[in-house]
Protein backbone atom coordinates (compact mmCIF):
# COMPACT_ATOMS: atom_id res chain seq x y z
CA UNK A 1 8.55 34.51 16.78
CA UNK A 2 7.70 30.99 15.65
CA UNK A 3 6.09 30.39 12.30
CA UNK A 4 2.41 29.47 12.51
CA UNK A 5 1.76 26.08 10.91
CA UNK A 6 -1.61 25.12 9.49
CA UNK A 7 -0.37 22.21 7.42
CA UNK A 8 -2.51 19.08 7.36
CA UNK A 9 -0.29 16.09 6.70
CA UNK A 10 -2.18 12.80 6.69
CA UNK A 11 0.75 10.88 5.22
CA UNK A 12 3.84 9.25 6.58
CA UNK A 13 6.00 11.78 4.70
CA UNK A 14 7.77 14.10 7.14
CA UNK A 15 6.67 17.73 6.97
CA UNK A 16 10.26 18.82 6.31
CA UNK A 17 10.38 16.69 3.15
CA UNK A 18 7.06 18.09 1.92
CA UNK A 19 8.29 21.64 2.41
CA UNK A 20 11.52 20.83 0.58
CA UNK A 21 9.59 19.44 -2.39
CA UNK A 22 7.32 22.49 -2.42
CA UNK A 23 10.32 24.82 -2.49
CA UNK A 24 11.69 22.91 -5.48
CA UNK A 25 8.44 22.81 -7.46
CA UNK A 26 6.87 26.21 -6.76
CA UNK A 27 9.24 28.22 -9.03
CA UNK A 28 8.53 25.83 -11.91
CA UNK A 29 4.78 25.96 -11.30
CA UNK A 30 4.83 29.76 -11.22
CA UNK A 31 6.84 29.86 -14.45
CA UNK A 32 4.41 27.47 -16.13
CA UNK A 33 1.37 29.57 -15.23
CA UNK A 34 3.07 32.83 -16.18
CA UNK A 35 3.79 31.30 -19.62
CA UNK A 36 0.11 30.35 -19.97
CA UNK A 37 -0.97 33.89 -19.02
CA UNK A 38 1.51 35.34 -21.52
CA UNK A 39 0.19 33.01 -24.24
CA UNK A 40 -3.39 34.03 -23.44
CA UNK A 41 -2.49 37.72 -23.66
CA UNK A 42 -0.73 37.15 -26.99
CA UNK A 43 -3.75 35.27 -28.35
CA UNK A 44 -6.11 38.03 -27.24
CA UNK A 45 -3.93 40.68 -28.91
CA UNK A 46 -3.77 38.73 -32.17
CA UNK A 47 -7.55 38.27 -32.18
CA UNK A 48 -8.08 42.04 -31.77
CA UNK A 49 -5.96 42.81 -34.82
């Protein structure tokens, strides 16, 4: 079964290259936001004490 594609690419950058970049950056983005959430939880706990 083929993968459904709903990607809008209005640039001259090939879709393959965009997907490759996304695969490289997504783990770092997820790590960054998980660190922010962890910091927020730590700040909330320290304020309750």
